[in-house]
């Protein structure tokens, strides 16, 4: 089995988020409930594949030669999973609640490669 990192992406200023924020409070609450139910159903259906079910991501800092600063990106969460292939890992996320119910934009899946030996 190969190991993969899935990154959930969504921008706070994106069109999907604007539509989400425009919902009436009761409608948004109903969608949040449906989204969480869908998310937990997804996790339960694929629980054997997950090495780490992941979590939402908080605020971001950037560190470079200039020092440390606040920054932002489109990453909203992560998951680490096992699958036979990259395609199989990606297929797990088709119609995921992150973008089919919630205002997330996509999920990117990357293989976690072994560290090169010295």
N, C-alpha and C. Protein backbone atom coordinates (compact mmCIF):
# COMPACT_ATOMS: atom_id res chain seq x y z
N UNK A 1 0.84 -1.18 0.00
CA UNK A 1 0.00 0.00 0.00
C UNK A 1 0.88 1.24 0.00
N UNK A 2 0.44 2.21 -0.74
CA UNK A 2 1.14 3.49 -0.77
C UNK A 2 0.45 4.44 0.20
N UNK A 3 1.16 5.48 0.58
CA UNK A 3 0.65 6.47 1.53
C UNK A 3 0.41 7.78 0.77
N UNK A 4 -0.71 8.44 1.08
CA UNK A 4 -1.09 9.67 0.40
C UNK A 4 -1.52 10.75 1.39
N UNK A 5 -1.28 11.98 1.00
CA UNK A 5 -1.73 13.15 1.74
C UNK A 5 -2.84 13.80 0.91
N UNK A 6 -4.00 13.97 1.51
CA UNK A 6 -5.10 14.67 0.86
C UNK A 6 -5.25 16.03 1.54
N UNK A 7 -5.25 17.07 0.73
CA UNK A 7 -5.37 18.44 1.23
C UNK A 7 -6.70 19.00 0.74
N UNK A 8 -7.51 19.48 1.68
CA UNK A 8 -8.79 20.10 1.37
C UNK A 8 -8.55 21.59 1.10
N UNK A 9 -9.04 22.08 -0.04
CA UNK A 9 -8.80 23.46 -0.44
C UNK A 9 -10.10 24.24 -0.55
N UNK A 10 -10.03 25.50 -0.19
CA UNK A 10 -11.15 26.42 -0.33
C UNK A 10 -10.70 27.82 0.05
N UNK A 11 -11.13 28.79 -0.70
CA UNK A 11 -10.72 30.17 -0.42
C UNK A 11 -11.86 30.94 0.23
N UNK A 12 -11.54 31.71 1.27
CA UNK A 12 -12.57 32.49 1.96
C UNK A 12 -13.25 33.51 1.06
N UNK A 13 -12.58 33.95 0.00
CA UNK A 13 -13.15 34.95 -0.88
C UNK A 13 -13.71 34.34 -2.17
N UNK A 14 -13.76 33.01 -2.26
CA UNK A 14 -14.24 32.34 -3.46
C UNK A 14 -15.75 32.46 -3.62
N UNK A 15 -16.21 32.19 -4.83
CA UNK A 15 -17.64 32.29 -5.15
C UNK A 15 -18.48 31.33 -4.31
N UNK A 16 -17.98 30.11 -4.09
CA UNK A 16 -18.74 29.16 -3.29
C UNK A 16 -18.91 29.64 -1.85
N UNK A 17 -17.88 30.28 -1.31
CA UNK A 17 -17.96 30.79 0.06
C UNK A 17 -18.92 32.00 0.11
N UNK A 18 -18.89 32.83 -0.90
CA UNK A 18 -19.82 33.96 -0.95
C UNK A 18 -21.26 33.46 -0.95
N UNK A 19 -21.54 32.42 -1.74
CA UNK A 19 -22.88 31.85 -1.78
C UNK A 19 -23.25 31.24 -0.43
N UNK A 20 -22.28 30.57 0.19
CA UNK A 20 -22.50 29.96 1.52
C UNK A 20 -22.85 31.05 2.54
N UNK A 21 -22.07 32.12 2.54
CA UNK A 21 -22.29 33.21 3.49
C UNK A 21 -23.60 33.94 3.25
N UNK A 22 -24.14 33.87 2.03
CA UNK A 22 -25.40 34.53 1.71
C UNK A 22 -26.62 33.71 2.13
N UNK A 23 -26.41 32.46 2.54
CA UNK A 23 -27.54 31.62 2.97
C UNK A 23 -28.18 32.19 4.22
N UNK A 24 -29.46 31.95 4.34
CA UNK A 24 -30.17 32.29 5.57
C UNK A 24 -29.59 31.40 6.69
N UNK A 25 -29.54 31.91 7.92
CA UNK A 25 -28.93 31.14 9.01
C UNK A 25 -29.48 29.72 9.16
N UNK A 26 -30.80 29.54 9.04
CA UNK A 26 -31.38 28.20 9.19
C UNK A 26 -30.93 27.27 8.07
N UNK A 27 -30.85 27.80 6.84
CA UNK A 27 -30.40 27.00 5.71
C UNK A 27 -28.93 26.61 5.87
N UNK A 28 -28.10 27.57 6.31
CA UNK A 28 -26.68 27.28 6.52
C UNK A 28 -26.52 26.21 7.61
N UNK A 29 -27.27 26.33 8.69
CA UNK A 29 -27.19 25.35 9.78
C UNK A 29 -27.60 23.96 9.27
N UNK A 30 -28.64 23.88 8.45
CA UNK A 30 -29.07 22.60 7.90
C UNK A 30 -27.99 22.02 6.99
N UNK A 31 -27.36 22.85 6.19
CA UNK A 31 -26.29 22.36 5.30
C UNK A 31 -25.06 21.94 6.11
N UNK A 32 -24.75 22.69 7.17
CA UNK A 32 -23.63 22.29 8.03
C UNK A 32 -23.89 20.92 8.63
N UNK A 33 -25.11 20.68 9.09
CA UNK A 33 -25.47 19.39 9.67
C UNK A 33 -25.35 18.29 8.61
N UNK A 34 -25.91 18.53 7.43
CA UNK A 34 -25.83 17.54 6.35
C UNK A 34 -24.38 17.30 5.94
N UNK A 35 -23.57 18.36 5.91
CA UNK A 35 -22.17 18.23 5.55
C UNK A 35 -21.40 17.39 6.56
N UNK A 36 -21.62 17.62 7.83
CA UNK A 36 -20.92 16.85 8.86
C UNK A 36 -21.38 15.39 8.85
N UNK A 37 -22.67 15.18 8.65
CA UNK A 37 -23.17 13.81 8.55
C UNK A 37 -22.52 13.10 7.36
N UNK A 38 -22.44 13.80 6.22
CA UNK A 38 -21.80 13.24 5.04
C UNK A 38 -20.32 12.97 5.26
N UNK A 39 -19.65 13.91 5.94
CA UNK A 39 -18.22 13.76 6.21
C UNK A 39 -17.96 12.54 7.10
N UNK A 40 -18.74 12.41 8.18
CA UNK A 40 -18.55 11.27 9.08
C UNK A 40 -18.92 9.95 8.40
N UNK A 41 -19.92 9.97 7.53
CA UNK A 41 -20.28 8.76 6.77
C UNK A 41 -19.13 8.38 5.83
N UNK A 42 -18.52 9.36 5.20
CA UNK A 42 -17.37 9.13 4.33
C UNK A 42 -16.23 8.51 5.13
N UNK A 43 -15.92 9.11 6.27
CA UNK A 43 -14.82 8.61 7.10
C UNK A 43 -15.10 7.19 7.58
N UNK A 44 -16.33 6.93 7.97
CA UNK A 44 -16.66 5.59 8.45
C UNK A 44 -16.59 4.58 7.32
N UNK A 45 -17.07 4.94 6.14
CA UNK A 45 -17.06 4.03 5.00
C UNK A 45 -15.65 3.66 4.57
N UNK A 46 -14.69 4.55 4.80
CA UNK A 46 -13.31 4.34 4.35
C UNK A 46 -12.32 4.28 5.52
N UNK A 47 -12.80 4.00 6.72
CA UNK A 47 -11.94 4.09 7.90
C UNK A 47 -10.69 3.24 7.83
N UNK A 48 -10.73 2.12 7.15
CA UNK A 48 -9.55 1.26 7.06
C UNK A 48 -8.46 1.88 6.20
N UNK A 49 -8.82 2.83 5.34
CA UNK A 49 -7.85 3.48 4.46
C UNK A 49 -7.08 4.60 5.16
N UNK A 50 -7.60 5.11 6.27
CA UNK A 50 -7.01 6.31 6.87
C UNK A 50 -5.96 6.00 7.92
N UNK A 51 -4.75 6.48 7.66
CA UNK A 51 -3.67 6.41 8.64
C UNK A 51 -3.88 7.49 9.69
N UNK A 52 -4.42 8.64 9.25
CA UNK A 52 -4.73 9.78 10.12
C UNK A 52 -5.95 10.44 9.50
N UNK A 53 -7.10 10.43 10.17
CA UNK A 53 -8.30 11.02 9.58
C UNK A 53 -8.19 12.52 9.34
N UNK A 54 -7.18 13.14 9.96
CA UNK A 54 -6.94 14.55 9.72
C UNK A 54 -7.80 15.47 10.56
N UNK A 55 -7.82 16.72 10.13
CA UNK A 55 -8.47 17.76 10.92
C UNK A 55 -8.52 19.04 10.10
N UNK A 56 -9.36 19.99 10.50
CA UNK A 56 -9.29 21.32 9.88
C UNK A 56 -7.95 21.98 10.21
N UNK A 57 -7.57 22.94 9.42
CA UNK A 57 -6.31 23.66 9.58
C UNK A 57 -6.60 25.10 10.03
N UNK A 58 -5.81 25.59 10.95
CA UNK A 58 -5.97 26.96 11.46
C UNK A 58 -5.15 27.97 10.67
N UNK A 59 -4.89 29.09 11.30
CA UNK A 59 -4.14 30.18 10.67
C UNK A 59 -2.72 29.74 10.32
N UNK A 60 -2.14 30.43 9.35
CA UNK A 60 -0.84 30.03 8.79
C UNK A 60 0.23 31.07 9.06
N UNK A 61 1.42 30.60 9.35
CA UNK A 61 2.63 31.43 9.43
C UNK A 61 3.55 30.98 8.32
N UNK A 62 4.31 31.90 7.77
CA UNK A 62 5.34 31.58 6.79
C UNK A 62 6.69 31.90 7.41
N UNK A 63 7.66 31.01 7.18
CA UNK A 63 9.01 31.20 7.68
C UNK A 63 9.94 31.17 6.47
N UNK A 64 10.74 32.22 6.32
CA UNK A 64 11.73 32.26 5.24
C UNK A 64 12.92 33.10 5.70
N UNK A 65 13.81 33.45 4.77
CA UNK A 65 15.01 34.18 5.16
C UNK A 65 14.72 35.56 5.75
N UNK A 66 13.49 36.06 5.53
CA UNK A 66 13.11 37.35 6.10
C UNK A 66 12.56 37.23 7.51
N UNK A 67 12.29 35.99 7.95
CA UNK A 67 11.77 35.79 9.29
C UNK A 67 10.44 35.06 9.28
N UNK A 68 9.59 35.41 10.23
CA UNK A 68 8.29 34.77 10.42
C UNK A 68 7.21 35.83 10.21
N UNK A 69 6.15 35.44 9.47
CA UNK A 69 5.05 36.38 9.21
C UNK A 69 3.73 35.62 9.09
N UNK A 70 2.65 36.32 9.33
CA UNK A 70 1.32 35.76 9.08
C UNK A 70 1.12 35.71 7.58
N UNK A 71 0.41 34.68 7.13
CA UNK A 71 0.08 34.55 5.72
C UNK A 71 -1.22 33.78 5.61
N UNK A 72 -1.69 33.53 4.42
CA UNK A 72 -2.88 32.71 4.22
C UNK A 72 -2.71 31.90 2.94
N UNK A 73 -3.44 30.80 2.88
CA UNK A 73 -3.47 29.96 1.69
C UNK A 73 -4.85 29.32 1.61
N UNK A 74 -5.04 28.46 0.64
CA UNK A 74 -6.34 27.85 0.42
C UNK A 74 -6.53 26.53 1.17
N UNK A 75 -5.53 26.11 1.96
CA UNK A 75 -5.63 24.83 2.66
C UNK A 75 -6.57 24.97 3.86
N UNK A 76 -7.58 24.09 3.91
CA UNK A 76 -8.52 24.14 5.02
C UNK A 76 -8.49 22.88 5.88
N UNK A 77 -7.81 21.82 5.42
CA UNK A 77 -7.71 20.61 6.21
C UNK A 77 -6.85 19.58 5.51
N UNK A 78 -6.65 18.43 6.17
CA UNK A 78 -5.83 17.37 5.60
C UNK A 78 -6.32 16.01 6.07
N UNK A 79 -5.90 14.98 5.37
CA UNK A 79 -6.12 13.58 5.72
C UNK A 79 -4.93 12.80 5.20
N UNK A 80 -4.51 11.77 5.90
CA UNK A 80 -3.46 10.87 5.42
C UNK A 80 -4.10 9.49 5.26
N UNK A 81 -3.92 8.89 4.09
CA UNK A 81 -4.56 7.61 3.82
C UNK A 81 -3.63 6.65 3.09
N UNK A 82 -4.06 5.39 3.06
CA UNK A 82 -3.36 4.35 2.32
C UNK A 82 -4.25 3.92 1.16
N UNK A 83 -3.64 3.66 0.01
CA UNK A 83 -4.36 3.14 -1.15
C UNK A 83 -3.38 2.39 -2.04
N UNK A 84 -3.91 1.56 -2.91
CA UNK A 84 -3.08 0.78 -3.83
C UNK A 84 -2.40 1.67 -4.86
N UNK A 85 -3.07 2.76 -5.26
CA UNK A 85 -2.52 3.63 -6.30
C UNK A 85 -3.00 5.06 -6.09
N UNK A 86 -2.36 5.97 -6.80
CA UNK A 86 -2.75 7.38 -6.77
C UNK A 86 -4.20 7.53 -7.25
N UNK A 87 -4.53 6.82 -8.32
CA UNK A 87 -5.89 6.88 -8.87
C UNK A 87 -6.91 6.37 -7.87
N UNK A 88 -6.58 5.27 -7.17
CA UNK A 88 -7.50 4.73 -6.18
C UNK A 88 -7.69 5.69 -5.01
N UNK A 89 -6.62 6.34 -4.59
CA UNK A 89 -6.73 7.33 -3.52
C UNK A 89 -7.62 8.49 -3.95
N UNK A 90 -7.40 8.98 -5.16
CA UNK A 90 -8.20 10.11 -5.66
C UNK A 90 -9.67 9.73 -5.79
N UNK A 91 -9.93 8.52 -6.26
CA UNK A 91 -11.31 8.09 -6.47
C UNK A 91 -12.13 8.09 -5.17
N UNK A 92 -11.46 7.90 -4.02
CA UNK A 92 -12.18 7.93 -2.74
C UNK A 92 -12.86 9.28 -2.51
N UNK A 93 -12.31 10.33 -3.09
CA UNK A 93 -12.79 11.68 -2.79
C UNK A 93 -13.80 12.21 -3.81
N UNK A 94 -14.18 11.40 -4.79
CA UNK A 94 -15.19 11.86 -5.74
C UNK A 94 -16.48 12.18 -4.98
N UNK A 95 -17.06 13.32 -5.27
CA UNK A 95 -18.31 13.79 -4.64
C UNK A 95 -18.20 13.93 -3.12
N UNK A 96 -17.01 14.22 -2.62
CA UNK A 96 -16.79 14.38 -1.18
C UNK A 96 -17.61 15.56 -0.63
N UNK A 97 -18.12 15.48 0.60
CA UNK A 97 -18.90 16.57 1.19
C UNK A 97 -18.16 17.90 1.26
N UNK A 98 -16.82 17.87 1.24
CA UNK A 98 -16.04 19.12 1.29
C UNK A 98 -16.47 20.08 0.19
N UNK A 99 -16.77 19.55 -0.99
CA UNK A 99 -17.18 20.42 -2.09
C UNK A 99 -18.58 20.12 -2.62
N UNK A 100 -19.16 18.96 -2.25
CA UNK A 100 -20.51 18.67 -2.72
C UNK A 100 -21.59 19.23 -1.80
N UNK A 101 -21.24 19.50 -0.55
CA UNK A 101 -22.18 20.11 0.41
C UNK A 101 -21.59 21.41 0.97
N UNK A 102 -20.37 21.34 1.48
CA UNK A 102 -19.70 22.53 2.02
C UNK A 102 -19.16 23.39 0.87
N UNK A 103 -18.75 24.61 1.16
CA UNK A 103 -18.25 25.49 0.10
C UNK A 103 -16.78 25.27 -0.26
N UNK A 104 -16.21 24.12 0.08
CA UNK A 104 -14.84 23.83 -0.32
C UNK A 104 -14.74 23.72 -1.83
N UNK A 105 -13.55 23.92 -2.35
CA UNK A 105 -13.38 23.94 -3.80
C UNK A 105 -12.86 22.63 -4.37
N UNK A 106 -11.97 21.96 -3.64
CA UNK A 106 -11.39 20.72 -4.18
C UNK A 106 -10.62 19.99 -3.09
N UNK A 107 -10.17 18.79 -3.44
CA UNK A 107 -9.28 18.00 -2.61
C UNK A 107 -8.12 17.58 -3.51
N UNK A 108 -6.90 17.87 -3.08
CA UNK A 108 -5.72 17.46 -3.84
C UNK A 108 -5.06 16.30 -3.11
N UNK A 109 -4.69 15.28 -3.88
CA UNK A 109 -4.12 14.08 -3.30
C UNK A 109 -2.70 13.89 -3.85
N UNK A 110 -1.74 13.75 -2.93
CA UNK A 110 -0.33 13.60 -3.29
C UNK A 110 0.23 12.36 -2.62
N UNK A 111 1.04 11.61 -3.34
CA UNK A 111 1.70 10.46 -2.73
C UNK A 111 2.79 10.95 -1.78
N UNK A 112 2.86 10.33 -0.62
CA UNK A 112 3.93 10.61 0.33
C UNK A 112 5.07 9.65 0.00
N UNK A 113 6.14 10.20 -0.50
CA UNK A 113 7.27 9.38 -0.95
C UNK A 113 8.23 9.08 0.20
N UNK A 114 8.96 7.99 0.10
CA UNK A 114 9.94 7.69 1.15
C UNK A 114 11.05 8.72 1.15
N UNK A 115 11.59 8.98 2.32
CA UNK A 115 12.70 9.91 2.45
C UNK A 115 13.93 9.29 1.80
N UNK A 116 14.62 10.03 0.92
CA UNK A 116 15.85 9.49 0.32
C UNK A 116 16.87 9.17 1.39
N UNK A 117 17.61 8.11 1.18
CA UNK A 117 18.65 7.70 2.13
C UNK A 117 19.95 8.42 1.81
N UNK A 118 20.71 8.73 2.84
CA UNK A 118 22.00 9.39 2.63
C UNK A 118 23.11 8.36 2.62
